[in-house]
Amino acid sequence: MTTKQPTVFIVDDDPSFRDSLQFLLGAAGLDVRVFSSAQDFLDGADPEAPGCLLLDVRMPGMSGLDLQNELANAEISLPIIFITGHGTVPMSVRAMKAGAVDFLQKPFDEPDLLNAIHQAVEQDRQARMERDELREIQKRINSLTAREVEVFTLVVSGMLNKQVAYRLGTTERTIKAHRSRIMEKMEADSLTDLVRHAEKLGVGKPRE
């Protein structure tokens, strides 16, 4: 599978600033797309694409903070770096609490910007890897029979085979057979692997 090149999306209503930023980031070897407003971004970009978003805070119409909220409501987790010439402490606190990677005041140093972008792109890469892993684990869970799901849930909660057998009203030998098939379907080499898969999905957590 080919990995898609990360894109740095720039949303700013100042055309000269957009052009200079596009030139700077392009010269640094980054793939860049620019938009003059938050609505233009929503209309013309693929927010599910890998990369990050450089977002001006104050813009006519929908503000940068409004766009951040819009993306959050749509469960789109594209990392955001805010850029502004008129930032305030409460504004930056709000942005960071809502998950922004950084909040840079204009004019900012080029190394600070590039470092923030690389951090955001790496954060996005890690998040996508984790989501892909969760989807794969869920796919494996879905391949289990109803009885195998019961056994899986009890085993990863810490029960021994004989305890699972007693709980389900069957024999330990039957549970061992179920467990073997579960390990195969879940592509787990050990109980530790099985528990790790379960933890990622919040399955079978021991009772407090």
N, C-alpha and C. Protein backbone atom coordinates (compact mmCIF):
# COMPACT_ATOMS: atom_id res chain seq x y z
N MET A 1 0.85 -1.19 0.00
CA MET A 1 0.00 0.00 0.00
C MET A 1 0.89 1.25 0.00
N THR A 2 0.60 2.18 -0.90
CA THR A 2 1.39 3.40 -1.01
C THR A 2 0.96 4.41 0.04
N THR A 3 1.93 4.97 0.75
CA THR A 3 1.64 5.98 1.76
C THR A 3 1.48 7.33 1.11
N LYS A 4 0.38 7.99 1.40
CA LYS A 4 0.10 9.28 0.79
C LYS A 4 0.97 10.36 1.42
N GLN A 5 1.51 11.25 0.56
CA GLN A 5 2.35 12.34 1.05
C GLN A 5 1.53 13.28 1.94
N PRO A 6 2.04 13.61 3.13
CA PRO A 6 1.30 14.54 4.01
C PRO A 6 1.17 15.91 3.35
N THR A 7 0.05 16.55 3.59
CA THR A 7 -0.21 17.89 3.05
C THR A 7 -0.33 18.90 4.18
N VAL A 8 0.31 20.05 4.01
CA VAL A 8 0.14 21.16 4.95
C VAL A 8 -0.92 22.09 4.37
N PHE A 9 -2.07 22.14 5.01
CA PHE A 9 -3.15 23.02 4.57
C PHE A 9 -2.99 24.38 5.26
N ILE A 10 -2.98 25.45 4.48
CA ILE A 10 -2.88 26.80 5.03
C ILE A 10 -4.21 27.51 4.83
N VAL A 11 -4.79 28.01 5.91
CA VAL A 11 -6.04 28.78 5.82
C VAL A 11 -5.79 30.15 6.45
N ASP A 12 -5.73 31.18 5.59
CA ASP A 12 -5.45 32.54 6.05
C ASP A 12 -6.04 33.51 5.04
N ASP A 13 -6.66 34.61 5.52
CA ASP A 13 -7.31 35.54 4.61
C ASP A 13 -6.35 36.58 4.02
N ASP A 14 -5.09 36.57 4.44
CA ASP A 14 -4.10 37.52 3.93
C ASP A 14 -3.35 36.89 2.76
N PRO A 15 -3.62 37.35 1.50
CA PRO A 15 -3.01 36.70 0.33
C PRO A 15 -1.49 36.76 0.31
N SER A 16 -0.90 37.88 0.73
CA SER A 16 0.55 37.99 0.71
C SER A 16 1.18 37.03 1.72
N PHE A 17 0.54 36.90 2.87
CA PHE A 17 1.04 35.97 3.88
C PHE A 17 0.91 34.53 3.40
N ARG A 18 -0.22 34.20 2.77
CA ARG A 18 -0.42 32.85 2.23
C ARG A 18 0.67 32.52 1.21
N ASP A 19 0.94 33.48 0.30
CA ASP A 19 1.93 33.24 -0.75
C ASP A 19 3.32 33.03 -0.17
N SER A 20 3.68 33.85 0.81
CA SER A 20 5.02 33.73 1.38
C SER A 20 5.17 32.43 2.16
N LEU A 21 4.10 32.06 2.85
CA LEU A 21 4.14 30.83 3.62
C LEU A 21 4.18 29.62 2.69
N GLN A 22 3.44 29.69 1.61
CA GLN A 22 3.45 28.60 0.63
C GLN A 22 4.84 28.43 0.02
N PHE A 23 5.47 29.55 -0.30
CA PHE A 23 6.83 29.51 -0.87
C PHE A 23 7.81 28.92 0.13
N LEU A 24 7.73 29.37 1.38
CA LEU A 24 8.63 28.91 2.43
C LEU A 24 8.53 27.41 2.64
N LEU A 25 7.30 26.93 2.77
CA LEU A 25 7.10 25.51 3.06
C LEU A 25 7.39 24.65 1.84
N GLY A 26 7.08 25.18 0.65
CA GLY A 26 7.40 24.46 -0.57
C GLY A 26 8.91 24.28 -0.72
N ALA A 27 9.66 25.34 -0.37
CA ALA A 27 11.11 25.28 -0.44
C ALA A 27 11.68 24.28 0.56
N ALA A 28 10.92 24.02 1.63
CA ALA A 28 11.34 23.06 2.65
C ALA A 28 10.94 21.62 2.27
N GLY A 29 10.36 21.48 1.07
CA GLY A 29 10.01 20.15 0.58
C GLY A 29 8.66 19.65 1.01
N LEU A 30 7.81 20.56 1.49
CA LEU A 30 6.49 20.15 1.96
C LEU A 30 5.43 20.33 0.88
N ASP A 31 4.46 19.45 0.86
CA ASP A 31 3.31 19.57 -0.04
C ASP A 31 2.32 20.53 0.60
N VAL A 32 1.95 21.61 -0.11
CA VAL A 32 1.15 22.68 0.49
C VAL A 32 -0.10 22.96 -0.35
N ARG A 33 -1.21 23.22 0.34
CA ARG A 33 -2.44 23.72 -0.30
C ARG A 33 -2.93 24.91 0.50
N VAL A 34 -3.36 25.97 -0.21
CA VAL A 34 -3.76 27.20 0.48
C VAL A 34 -5.24 27.50 0.25
N PHE A 35 -5.85 28.13 1.27
CA PHE A 35 -7.26 28.52 1.23
C PHE A 35 -7.41 29.88 1.88
N SER A 36 -8.32 30.69 1.33
CA SER A 36 -8.47 32.06 1.82
C SER A 36 -9.46 32.18 2.96
N SER A 37 -10.22 31.12 3.24
CA SER A 37 -11.19 31.17 4.33
C SER A 37 -11.46 29.77 4.85
N ALA A 38 -12.05 29.72 6.03
CA ALA A 38 -12.40 28.44 6.62
C ALA A 38 -13.42 27.70 5.75
N GLN A 39 -14.37 28.45 5.19
CA GLN A 39 -15.38 27.82 4.35
C GLN A 39 -14.77 27.27 3.07
N ASP A 40 -13.80 28.00 2.49
CA ASP A 40 -13.11 27.49 1.30
C ASP A 40 -12.43 26.16 1.60
N PHE A 41 -11.83 26.08 2.78
CA PHE A 41 -11.18 24.84 3.19
C PHE A 41 -12.19 23.70 3.28
N LEU A 42 -13.32 23.95 3.94
CA LEU A 42 -14.34 22.92 4.09
C LEU A 42 -14.90 22.49 2.73
N ASP A 43 -15.00 23.45 1.80
CA ASP A 43 -15.56 23.15 0.48
C ASP A 43 -14.56 22.46 -0.45
N GLY A 44 -13.27 22.79 -0.29
CA GLY A 44 -12.31 22.33 -1.30
C GLY A 44 -11.25 21.36 -0.86
N ALA A 45 -11.12 21.12 0.44
CA ALA A 45 -10.05 20.24 0.92
C ALA A 45 -10.61 18.90 1.35
N ASP A 46 -9.74 17.93 1.41
CA ASP A 46 -10.09 16.64 1.99
C ASP A 46 -9.53 16.61 3.40
N PRO A 47 -10.33 16.94 4.41
CA PRO A 47 -9.82 17.02 5.77
C PRO A 47 -9.38 15.68 6.34
N GLU A 48 -9.72 14.58 5.61
CA GLU A 48 -9.28 13.26 6.05
C GLU A 48 -7.89 12.94 5.52
N ALA A 49 -7.35 13.81 4.66
CA ALA A 49 -6.02 13.58 4.10
C ALA A 49 -4.96 13.70 5.20
N PRO A 50 -3.87 12.95 5.09
CA PRO A 50 -2.81 13.05 6.11
C PRO A 50 -2.09 14.38 6.04
N GLY A 51 -1.63 14.86 7.18
CA GLY A 51 -0.90 16.13 7.22
C GLY A 51 -1.28 16.95 8.42
N CYS A 52 -1.36 18.28 8.22
CA CYS A 52 -1.76 19.18 9.31
C CYS A 52 -2.35 20.45 8.73
N LEU A 53 -2.89 21.28 9.61
CA LEU A 53 -3.58 22.50 9.21
C LEU A 53 -2.96 23.71 9.89
N LEU A 54 -2.46 24.66 9.08
CA LEU A 54 -2.00 25.95 9.59
C LEU A 54 -3.17 26.91 9.48
N LEU A 55 -3.65 27.37 10.60
CA LEU A 55 -4.94 28.05 10.63
C LEU A 55 -4.86 29.41 11.31
N ASP A 56 -5.26 30.46 10.57
CA ASP A 56 -5.34 31.80 11.14
C ASP A 56 -6.52 31.84 12.11
N VAL A 57 -6.35 32.56 13.20
CA VAL A 57 -7.41 32.63 14.21
C VAL A 57 -8.52 33.57 13.77
N ARG A 58 -8.14 34.80 13.41
CA ARG A 58 -9.13 35.83 13.08
C ARG A 58 -9.28 35.94 11.56
N MET A 59 -10.47 35.61 11.07
CA MET A 59 -10.78 35.72 9.64
C MET A 59 -12.23 36.15 9.49
N PRO A 60 -12.56 36.84 8.40
CA PRO A 60 -13.96 37.17 8.15
C PRO A 60 -14.80 35.90 8.04
N GLY A 61 -16.02 35.96 8.52
CA GLY A 61 -16.87 34.77 8.48
C GLY A 61 -16.49 33.81 9.59
N MET A 62 -16.29 32.57 9.22
CA MET A 62 -15.94 31.55 10.20
C MET A 62 -14.50 31.75 10.68
N SER A 63 -14.31 31.86 12.00
CA SER A 63 -12.97 32.06 12.55
C SER A 63 -12.22 30.73 12.59
N GLY A 64 -10.92 30.82 12.88
CA GLY A 64 -10.13 29.61 13.01
C GLY A 64 -10.62 28.73 14.14
N LEU A 65 -11.00 29.34 15.26
CA LEU A 65 -11.52 28.57 16.39
C LEU A 65 -12.85 27.91 16.04
N ASP A 66 -13.66 28.60 15.24
CA ASP A 66 -14.93 28.01 14.79
C ASP A 66 -14.66 26.79 13.90
N LEU A 67 -13.66 26.91 13.03
CA LEU A 67 -13.32 25.78 12.16
C LEU A 67 -12.79 24.61 12.98
N GLN A 68 -11.98 24.91 13.98
CA GLN A 68 -11.49 23.85 14.86
C GLN A 68 -12.66 23.10 15.49
N ASN A 69 -13.65 23.84 15.95
CA ASN A 69 -14.83 23.24 16.57
C ASN A 69 -15.64 22.43 15.55
N GLU A 70 -15.73 22.96 14.33
CA GLU A 70 -16.46 22.28 13.26
C GLU A 70 -15.81 20.92 12.95
N LEU A 71 -14.50 20.91 12.85
CA LEU A 71 -13.79 19.66 12.56
C LEU A 71 -13.93 18.67 13.71
N ALA A 72 -13.87 19.18 14.94
CA ALA A 72 -14.03 18.31 16.11
C ALA A 72 -15.41 17.66 16.13
N ASN A 73 -16.43 18.45 15.81
CA ASN A 73 -17.80 17.92 15.78
C ASN A 73 -17.97 16.85 14.71
N ALA A 74 -17.19 16.99 13.62
CA ALA A 74 -17.24 16.00 12.54
C ALA A 74 -16.29 14.84 12.79
N GLU A 75 -15.65 14.84 13.97
CA GLU A 75 -14.70 13.80 14.37
C GLU A 75 -13.54 13.68 13.37
N ILE A 76 -13.09 14.85 12.89
CA ILE A 76 -11.93 14.91 12.01
C ILE A 76 -10.75 15.40 12.85
N SER A 77 -9.72 14.57 12.95
CA SER A 77 -8.64 14.84 13.90
C SER A 77 -7.38 15.39 13.24
N LEU A 78 -7.52 16.15 12.16
CA LEU A 78 -6.36 16.76 11.51
C LEU A 78 -5.68 17.71 12.49
N PRO A 79 -4.39 17.50 12.81
CA PRO A 79 -3.71 18.37 13.78
C PRO A 79 -3.68 19.82 13.31
N ILE A 80 -3.89 20.74 14.25
CA ILE A 80 -3.98 22.16 13.93
C ILE A 80 -2.88 22.96 14.61
N ILE A 81 -2.23 23.83 13.81
CA ILE A 81 -1.30 24.82 14.34
C ILE A 81 -1.92 26.19 14.08
N PHE A 82 -2.23 26.92 15.14
CA PHE A 82 -2.82 28.24 14.96
C PHE A 82 -1.73 29.28 14.74
N ILE A 83 -2.02 30.22 13.84
CA ILE A 83 -1.12 31.34 13.57
C ILE A 83 -1.94 32.63 13.64
N THR A 84 -1.42 33.63 14.33
CA THR A 84 -2.19 34.86 14.48
C THR A 84 -1.29 36.04 14.77
N GLY A 85 -1.76 37.21 14.37
CA GLY A 85 -1.06 38.45 14.70
C GLY A 85 -1.75 39.18 15.83
N HIS A 86 -2.89 38.64 16.28
CA HIS A 86 -3.69 39.33 17.29
C HIS A 86 -4.16 38.35 18.36
N GLY A 87 -3.28 37.45 18.77
CA GLY A 87 -3.68 36.44 19.74
C GLY A 87 -3.74 36.98 21.15
N THR A 88 -4.55 36.33 21.95
CA THR A 88 -4.65 36.64 23.38
C THR A 88 -4.41 35.36 24.16
N VAL A 89 -4.08 35.49 25.42
CA VAL A 89 -3.83 34.31 26.25
C VAL A 89 -5.08 33.42 26.34
N PRO A 90 -6.26 33.99 26.63
CA PRO A 90 -7.46 33.14 26.68
C PRO A 90 -7.71 32.41 25.36
N MET A 91 -7.42 33.10 24.24
CA MET A 91 -7.63 32.51 22.93
C MET A 91 -6.70 31.31 22.73
N SER A 92 -5.43 31.48 23.10
CA SER A 92 -4.47 30.39 22.93
C SER A 92 -4.79 29.24 23.87
N VAL A 93 -5.23 29.56 25.09
CA VAL A 93 -5.61 28.51 26.04
C VAL A 93 -6.78 27.70 25.50
N ARG A 94 -7.78 28.40 24.95
CA ARG A 94 -8.94 27.71 24.38
C ARG A 94 -8.53 26.78 23.24
N ALA A 95 -7.64 27.30 22.37
CA ALA A 95 -7.20 26.51 21.22
C ALA A 95 -6.44 25.26 21.66
N MET A 96 -5.54 25.43 22.62
CA MET A 96 -4.72 24.30 23.07
C MET A 96 -5.56 23.28 23.83
N LYS A 97 -6.52 23.75 24.62
CA LYS A 97 -7.40 22.83 25.35
C LYS A 97 -8.24 22.01 24.37
N ALA A 98 -8.54 22.60 23.23
CA ALA A 98 -9.34 21.89 22.22
C ALA A 98 -8.47 20.99 21.34
N GLY A 99 -7.16 20.91 21.66
CA GLY A 99 -6.32 19.94 20.97
C GLY A 99 -5.33 20.48 19.96
N ALA A 100 -5.18 21.82 19.85
CA ALA A 100 -4.22 22.38 18.91
C ALA A 100 -2.80 21.93 19.26
N VAL A 101 -1.98 21.73 18.24
CA VAL A 101 -0.60 21.32 18.46
C VAL A 101 0.24 22.49 18.94
N ASP A 102 -0.01 23.68 18.38
CA ASP A 102 0.77 24.86 18.76
C ASP A 102 -0.03 26.12 18.44
N PHE A 103 0.43 27.24 18.99
CA PHE A 103 -0.22 28.54 18.79
C PHE A 103 0.91 29.55 18.58
N LEU A 104 1.14 29.94 17.33
CA LEU A 104 2.27 30.80 16.98
C LEU A 104 1.83 32.22 16.69
N GLN A 105 2.54 33.18 17.26
CA GLN A 105 2.26 34.60 17.03
C GLN A 105 3.06 35.09 15.82
N LYS A 106 2.41 35.83 14.92
CA LYS A 106 3.12 36.48 13.82
C LYS A 106 3.85 37.72 14.35
N PRO A 107 5.06 38.00 13.90
CA PRO A 107 5.89 37.13 13.04
C PRO A 107 6.55 36.05 13.87
N PHE A 108 6.69 34.87 13.29
CA PHE A 108 7.31 33.77 14.02
C PHE A 108 8.59 33.34 13.30
N ASP A 109 9.45 32.66 14.04
CA ASP A 109 10.70 32.18 13.46
C ASP A 109 10.43 30.95 12.60
N GLU A 110 11.13 30.88 11.47
CA GLU A 110 10.97 29.75 10.55
C GLU A 110 11.22 28.40 11.24
N PRO A 111 12.30 28.26 12.04
CA PRO A 111 12.52 26.97 12.71
C PRO A 111 11.38 26.57 13.63
N ASP A 112 10.79 27.55 14.32
CA ASP A 112 9.66 27.24 15.21
C ASP A 112 8.48 26.69 14.42
N LEU A 113 8.22 27.31 13.27
CA LEU A 113 7.11 26.87 12.43
C LEU A 113 7.37 25.47 11.89
N LEU A 114 8.56 25.24 11.35
CA LEU A 114 8.87 23.94 10.77
C LEU A 114 8.86 22.84 11.84
N ASN A 115 9.36 23.16 13.03
CA ASN A 115 9.32 22.18 14.11
C ASN A 115 7.88 21.83 14.49
N ALA A 116 7.02 22.85 14.54
CA ALA A 116 5.61 22.61 14.87
C ALA A 116 4.95 21.75 13.79
N ILE A 117 5.27 22.02 12.53
CA ILE A 117 4.70 21.25 11.42
C ILE A 117 5.14 19.80 11.48
N HIS A 118 6.44 19.58 11.69
CA HIS A 118 6.93 18.20 11.76
C HIS A 118 6.31 17.46 12.94
N GLN A 119 6.13 18.16 14.06
CA GLN A 119 5.49 17.56 15.23
C GLN A 119 4.04 17.18 14.90
N ALA A 120 3.33 18.09 14.22
CA ALA A 120 1.93 17.84 13.88
C ALA A 120 1.79 16.69 12.90
N VAL A 121 2.66 16.65 11.89
CA VAL A 121 2.61 15.58 10.89
C VAL A 121 2.90 14.23 11.53
N GLU A 122 3.87 14.20 12.45
CA GLU A 122 4.19 12.95 13.15
C GLU A 122 3.04 12.53 14.05
N GLN A 123 2.40 13.49 14.71
CA GLN A 123 1.24 13.19 15.55
C GLN A 123 0.12 12.58 14.71
N ASP A 124 -0.08 13.15 13.52
CA ASP A 124 -1.11 12.65 12.62
C ASP A 124 -0.77 11.23 12.15
N ARG A 125 0.51 11.00 11.83
CA ARG A 125 0.93 9.67 11.37
C ARG A 125 0.69 8.61 12.44
N GLN A 126 1.06 8.94 13.68
CA GLN A 126 0.87 8.01 14.78
C GLN A 126 -0.61 7.72 15.02
N ALA A 127 -1.43 8.78 14.97
CA ALA A 127 -2.87 8.62 15.19
C ALA A 127 -3.49 7.73 14.12
N ARG A 128 -3.06 7.91 12.87
CA ARG A 128 -3.60 7.10 11.79
C ARG A 128 -3.18 5.63 11.93
N MET A 129 -1.95 5.41 12.36
CA MET A 129 -1.48 4.04 12.59
C MET A 129 -2.32 3.37 13.68
N GLU A 130 -2.61 4.12 14.75
CA GLU A 130 -3.40 3.56 15.85
C GLU A 130 -4.83 3.26 15.40
N ARG A 131 -5.40 4.17 14.59
CA ARG A 131 -6.76 3.93 14.09
C ARG A 131 -6.80 2.70 13.17
N ASP A 132 -5.76 2.55 12.32
CA ASP A 132 -5.69 1.39 11.43
C ASP A 132 -5.58 0.10 12.24
N GLU A 133 -4.77 0.14 13.32
CA GLU A 133 -4.61 -1.04 14.16
C GLU A 133 -5.92 -1.39 14.85
N LEU A 134 -6.63 -0.37 15.33
CA LEU A 134 -7.93 -0.63 15.98
C LEU A 134 -8.92 -1.25 15.02
N ARG A 135 -8.94 -0.74 13.79
CA ARG A 135 -9.86 -1.30 12.79
C ARG A 135 -9.52 -2.77 12.52
N GLU A 136 -8.22 -3.08 12.45
CA GLU A 136 -7.80 -4.46 12.20
C GLU A 136 -8.19 -5.37 13.35
N ILE A 137 -7.98 -4.89 14.58
CA ILE A 137 -8.34 -5.70 15.76
C ILE A 137 -9.85 -5.92 15.80
N GLN A 138 -10.62 -4.87 15.49
CA GLN A 138 -12.08 -4.99 15.50
C GLN A 138 -12.54 -5.99 14.43
N LYS A 139 -11.85 -5.98 13.30
CA LYS A 139 -12.17 -6.94 12.22
C LYS A 139 -11.96 -8.37 12.71
N ARG A 140 -10.88 -8.59 13.46
CA ARG A 140 -10.61 -9.92 14.00
C ARG A 140 -11.65 -10.31 15.04
N ILE A 141 -12.01 -9.35 15.90
CA ILE A 141 -13.06 -9.61 16.91
C ILE A 141 -14.36 -10.03 16.21
N ASN A 142 -14.68 -9.34 15.13
CA ASN A 142 -15.92 -9.62 14.40
C ASN A 142 -15.94 -11.02 13.78
N SER A 143 -14.73 -11.62 13.63
CA SER A 143 -14.66 -12.96 13.04
C SER A 143 -14.95 -14.05 14.07
N LEU A 144 -15.00 -13.68 15.35
CA LEU A 144 -15.27 -14.65 16.40
C LEU A 144 -16.76 -14.99 16.46
N THR A 145 -17.07 -16.23 16.86
CA THR A 145 -18.46 -16.60 17.10
C THR A 145 -18.92 -15.98 18.41
N ALA A 146 -20.22 -16.02 18.66
CA ALA A 146 -20.76 -15.45 19.90
C ALA A 146 -20.14 -16.13 21.12
N ARG A 147 -20.00 -17.45 21.07
CA ARG A 147 -19.41 -18.17 22.20
C ARG A 147 -17.93 -17.81 22.37
N GLU A 148 -17.22 -17.66 21.25
CA GLU A 148 -15.80 -17.29 21.31
C GLU A 148 -15.63 -15.90 21.91
N VAL A 149 -16.55 -15.00 21.61
CA VAL A 149 -16.49 -13.66 22.21
C VAL A 149 -16.66 -13.75 23.72
N GLU A 150 -17.57 -14.61 24.17
CA GLU A 150 -17.76 -14.81 25.61
C GLU A 150 -16.48 -15.32 26.26
N VAL A 151 -15.88 -16.33 25.64
CA VAL A 151 -14.65 -16.91 26.18
C VAL A 151 -13.52 -15.88 26.16
N PHE A 152 -13.40 -15.18 25.04
CA PHE A 152 -12.37 -14.15 24.89
C PHE A 152 -12.47 -13.11 26.01
N THR A 153 -13.69 -12.63 26.26
CA THR A 153 -13.91 -11.58 27.26
C THR A 153 -13.53 -12.06 28.66
N LEU A 154 -13.87 -13.30 28.97
CA LEU A 154 -13.56 -13.83 30.29
C LEU A 154 -12.07 -14.13 30.45
N VAL A 155 -11.45 -14.67 29.40
CA VAL A 155 -10.03 -15.00 29.47
C VAL A 155 -9.18 -13.73 29.66
N VAL A 156 -9.47 -12.68 28.91
CA VAL A 156 -8.65 -11.46 29.01
C VAL A 156 -8.94 -10.69 30.31
N SER A 157 -10.04 -11.04 30.99
CA SER A 157 -10.31 -10.41 32.29
C SER A 157 -9.50 -11.05 33.40
N GLY A 158 -8.81 -12.17 33.08
CA GLY A 158 -7.93 -12.80 34.05
C GLY A 158 -8.37 -14.16 34.55
N MET A 159 -9.47 -14.67 34.01
CA MET A 159 -9.97 -15.96 34.47
C MET A 159 -9.14 -17.11 33.89
N LEU A 160 -8.98 -18.17 34.70
CA LEU A 160 -8.36 -19.40 34.23
C LEU A 160 -9.37 -20.20 33.42
N ASN A 161 -8.86 -21.16 32.62
CA ASN A 161 -9.75 -21.96 31.77
C ASN A 161 -10.85 -22.65 32.59
N LYS A 162 -10.47 -23.20 33.76
CA LYS A 162 -11.47 -23.92 34.56
C LYS A 162 -12.52 -22.96 35.12
N GLN A 163 -12.11 -21.71 35.41
CA GLN A 163 -13.08 -20.73 35.89
C GLN A 163 -14.04 -20.31 34.78
N VAL A 164 -13.50 -20.17 33.56
CA VAL A 164 -14.35 -19.84 32.42
C VAL A 164 -15.33 -20.97 32.15
N ALA A 165 -14.83 -22.20 32.23
CA ALA A 165 -15.68 -23.36 32.01
C ALA A 165 -16.83 -23.39 33.02
N TYR A 166 -16.52 -23.15 34.27
CA TYR A 166 -17.55 -23.14 35.32
C TYR A 166 -18.57 -22.04 35.06
N ARG A 167 -18.07 -20.84 34.68
CA ARG A 167 -18.97 -19.70 34.42
C ARG A 167 -19.92 -20.00 33.26
N LEU A 168 -19.40 -20.67 32.24
CA LEU A 168 -20.21 -20.91 31.04
C LEU A 168 -20.91 -22.27 31.04
N GLY A 169 -20.69 -23.03 32.10
CA GLY A 169 -21.38 -24.32 32.21
C GLY A 169 -20.90 -25.35 31.22
N THR A 170 -19.60 -25.40 30.98
CA THR A 170 -19.05 -26.37 30.03
C THR A 170 -17.78 -26.95 30.61
N THR A 171 -17.02 -27.68 29.80
CA THR A 171 -15.81 -28.34 30.29
C THR A 171 -14.56 -27.50 30.00
N GLU A 172 -13.53 -27.76 30.79
CA GLU A 172 -12.25 -27.07 30.58
C GLU A 172 -11.68 -27.42 29.21
N ARG A 173 -11.87 -28.65 28.78
CA ARG A 173 -11.37 -29.07 27.47
C ARG A 173 -12.02 -28.26 26.35
N THR A 174 -13.32 -28.02 26.48
CA THR A 174 -14.03 -27.21 25.48
C THR A 174 -13.50 -25.79 25.45
N ILE A 175 -13.24 -25.23 26.62
CA ILE A 175 -12.71 -23.87 26.71
C ILE A 175 -11.33 -23.79 26.08
N LYS A 176 -10.51 -24.82 26.30
CA LYS A 176 -9.18 -24.85 25.69
C LYS A 176 -9.28 -24.83 24.17
N ALA A 177 -10.26 -25.57 23.63
CA ALA A 177 -10.46 -25.61 22.17
C ALA A 177 -10.90 -24.23 21.66
N HIS A 178 -11.84 -23.61 22.39
CA HIS A 178 -12.28 -22.26 22.02
C HIS A 178 -11.10 -21.29 22.06
N ARG A 179 -10.33 -21.41 23.12
CA ARG A 179 -9.20 -20.49 23.30
C ARG A 179 -8.19 -20.61 22.17
N SER A 180 -7.94 -21.84 21.73
CA SER A 180 -7.01 -22.08 20.63
C SER A 180 -7.49 -21.41 19.35
N ARG A 181 -8.81 -21.55 19.07
CA ARG A 181 -9.37 -20.92 17.87
C ARG A 181 -9.34 -19.40 17.98
N ILE A 182 -9.57 -18.88 19.18
CA ILE A 182 -9.54 -17.43 19.41
C ILE A 182 -8.14 -16.89 19.15
N MET A 183 -7.14 -17.58 19.65
CA MET A 183 -5.75 -17.14 19.45
C MET A 183 -5.42 -17.09 17.95
N GLU A 184 -5.91 -18.09 17.23
CA GLU A 184 -5.64 -18.16 15.79
C GLU A 184 -6.34 -17.01 15.06
N LYS A 185 -7.64 -16.81 15.35
CA LYS A 185 -8.40 -15.77 14.67
C LYS A 185 -7.90 -14.36 15.02
N MET A 186 -7.47 -14.19 16.26
CA MET A 186 -6.99 -12.88 16.70
C MET A 186 -5.52 -12.65 16.33
N GLU A 187 -4.88 -13.70 15.74
CA GLU A 187 -3.47 -13.62 15.35
C GLU A 187 -2.60 -13.22 16.55
N ALA A 188 -2.88 -13.87 17.67
CA ALA A 188 -2.16 -13.60 18.91
C ALA A 188 -1.21 -14.75 19.21
N ASP A 189 0.03 -14.44 19.54
CA ASP A 189 1.02 -15.46 19.85
C ASP A 189 1.01 -15.85 21.32
N SER A 190 0.38 -15.02 22.15
CA SER A 190 0.39 -15.28 23.59
C SER A 190 -0.82 -14.63 24.23
N LEU A 191 -1.03 -14.97 25.50
CA LEU A 191 -2.11 -14.34 26.25
C LEU A 191 -1.86 -12.84 26.37
N THR A 192 -0.60 -12.44 26.47
CA THR A 192 -0.26 -11.02 26.55
C THR A 192 -0.74 -10.28 25.32
N ASP A 193 -0.53 -10.88 24.14
CA ASP A 193 -1.02 -10.27 22.89
C ASP A 193 -2.54 -10.13 22.93
N LEU A 194 -3.20 -11.17 23.40
CA LEU A 194 -4.66 -11.18 23.46
C LEU A 194 -5.16 -10.06 24.37
N VAL A 195 -4.53 -9.93 25.52
CA VAL A 195 -4.92 -8.89 26.48
C VAL A 195 -4.66 -7.50 25.89
N ARG A 196 -3.54 -7.33 25.18
CA ARG A 196 -3.23 -6.03 24.57
C ARG A 196 -4.30 -5.64 23.55
N HIS A 197 -4.71 -6.62 22.73
CA HIS A 197 -5.78 -6.35 21.76
C HIS A 197 -7.06 -5.92 22.48
N ALA A 198 -7.38 -6.64 23.55
CA ALA A 198 -8.61 -6.35 24.29
C ALA A 198 -8.55 -4.96 24.91
N GLU A 199 -7.40 -4.60 25.47
CA GLU A 199 -7.26 -3.29 26.12
C GLU A 199 -7.46 -2.16 25.12
N LYS A 200 -6.99 -2.35 23.91
CA LYS A 200 -7.13 -1.30 22.90
C LYS A 200 -8.60 -1.04 22.56
N LEU A 201 -9.41 -2.08 22.70
CA LEU A 201 -10.85 -1.94 22.41
C LEU A 201 -11.69 -1.78 23.68
N GLY A 202 -11.03 -1.81 24.85
CA GLY A 202 -11.76 -1.66 26.10
C GLY A 202 -12.61 -2.87 26.43
N VAL A 203 -12.13 -4.05 25.99
CA VAL A 203 -12.90 -5.29 26.21
C VAL A 203 -12.34 -6.05 27.39
N GLY A 204 -13.23 -6.59 28.23
CA GLY A 204 -12.83 -7.51 29.29
C GLY A 204 -11.99 -6.91 30.38
N LYS A 205 -12.18 -5.63 30.67
CA LYS A 205 -11.40 -5.02 31.76
C LYS A 205 -11.82 -5.62 33.09
N PRO A 206 -10.84 -5.98 33.91
CA PRO A 206 -11.19 -6.55 35.24
C PRO A 206 -12.03 -5.58 36.05
N ARG A 207 -12.94 -6.10 36.83
CA ARG A 207 -13.75 -5.24 37.68
C ARG A 207 -12.92 -4.70 38.83
N GLU A 208 -13.18 -3.43 39.20
CA GLU A 208 -12.46 -2.82 40.34
C GLU A 208 -12.95 -3.43 41.64
